Amino acid sequence: MNFPKFLVADNTDLPDAIYIVHTEFPSFILNLENDEVKWMDDISDEDEGDLTKTLEGLIDEAEAFYIREVDRYNI
């Protein structure tokens, strides 16, 4: 089964939180309410310098994805 790179998620138990799920390595869930990130993959063996740049880029991509999705709903 193929999944998109990013998914939007929510949960009625936490009605103010919106999550972006990154489905590729390194997979993570970003809580847009408080910018908390839950890493789903073990990233401890990666080179720290490269990893920091990669992770910052992925979080920026996740936020841009969410803005794009919201804009599409508001058309």
Protein backbone atom coordinates (compact mmCIF):
# COMPACT_ATOMS: atom_id res chain seq x y z
CA MET A 1 0.00 0.00 0.00
CA ASN A 2 1.30 3.44 -0.90
CA PHE A 3 0.86 6.36 1.46
CA PRO A 4 1.41 10.04 0.75
CA LYS A 5 4.50 11.59 2.32
CA PHE A 6 2.34 13.62 4.74
CA LEU A 7 -1.09 13.03 6.30
CA VAL A 8 -3.30 15.36 8.34
CA ALA A 9 -4.73 13.81 11.49
CA ASP A 10 -6.91 14.83 14.41
CA ASN A 11 -8.62 13.25 17.36
CA THR A 12 -11.82 14.22 19.21
CA ASP A 13 -10.11 13.56 22.56
CA LEU A 14 -7.80 16.52 21.82
CA PRO A 15 -10.04 18.85 19.81
CA ASP A 16 -7.54 21.73 19.59
CA ALA A 17 -4.68 19.61 18.27
CA ILE A 18 -3.97 19.00 14.61
CA TYR A 19 -1.28 16.53 13.65
CA ILE A 20 0.84 16.08 10.57
CA VAL A 21 2.14 12.54 10.10
CA HIS A 22 5.32 12.05 8.05
CA THR A 23 5.15 8.51 6.66
CA GLU A 24 8.69 8.17 5.29
CA PHE A 25 12.00 7.78 7.14
CA PRO A 26 12.41 9.32 9.60
CA SER A 27 8.71 9.06 10.38
CA PHE A 28 7.24 11.42 12.92
CA ILE A 29 4.05 13.05 14.15
CA LEU A 30 4.05 16.83 14.47
CA ASN A 31 1.50 18.43 16.79
CA LEU A 32 0.78 21.83 15.22
CA GLU A 33 -0.88 23.08 18.42
CA ASN A 34 2.37 23.07 20.38
CA ASP A 35 5.06 22.08 17.80
CA GLU A 36 5.82 18.88 19.72
CA VAL A 37 7.38 16.15 17.57
CA LYS A 38 7.12 12.43 18.27
CA TRP A 39 9.73 10.46 16.31
CA MET A 40 8.51 7.05 15.24
CA ASP A 41 11.88 5.81 13.94
CA ASP A 42 15.12 5.41 15.83
CA ILE A 43 17.30 8.25 14.57
CA SER A 44 20.06 7.98 17.19
CA ASP A 45 22.54 6.36 14.76
CA GLU A 46 22.34 9.17 12.18
CA ASP A 47 25.03 11.86 11.77
CA GLU A 48 23.89 14.68 14.04
CA GLY A 49 24.80 17.59 11.75
CA ASP A 50 23.10 16.16 8.66
CA LEU A 51 20.19 14.94 10.73
CA THR A 52 19.47 18.37 12.20
CA LYS A 53 19.29 19.96 8.74
CA THR A 54 17.15 17.11 7.41
CA LEU A 55 14.73 17.23 10.34
CA GLU A 56 14.35 21.01 10.19
CA GLY A 57 13.61 20.72 6.48
CA LEU A 58 11.04 17.99 7.04
CA ILE A 59 9.24 19.98 9.71
CA ASP A 60 9.16 23.00 7.39
CA GLU A 61 7.76 20.74 4.64
CA ALA A 62 5.12 19.40 7.04
CA GLU A 63 3.98 22.90 7.95
CA ALA A 64 3.89 23.95 4.28
CA PHE A 65 1.87 20.81 3.49
CA TYR A 66 -0.68 21.73 6.15
CA ILE A 67 -1.04 25.29 4.86
CA ARG A 68 -1.53 23.96 1.33
CA GLU A 69 -4.19 21.51 2.51
CA VAL A 70 -6.09 24.18 4.45
CA ASP A 71 -5.97 26.50 1.44
CA ARG A 72 -7.45 23.75 -0.72
CA TYR A 73 -10.35 23.27 1.69
CA ASN A 74 -11.04 27.00 1.74
CA ILE A 75 -11.45 27.31 -2.03
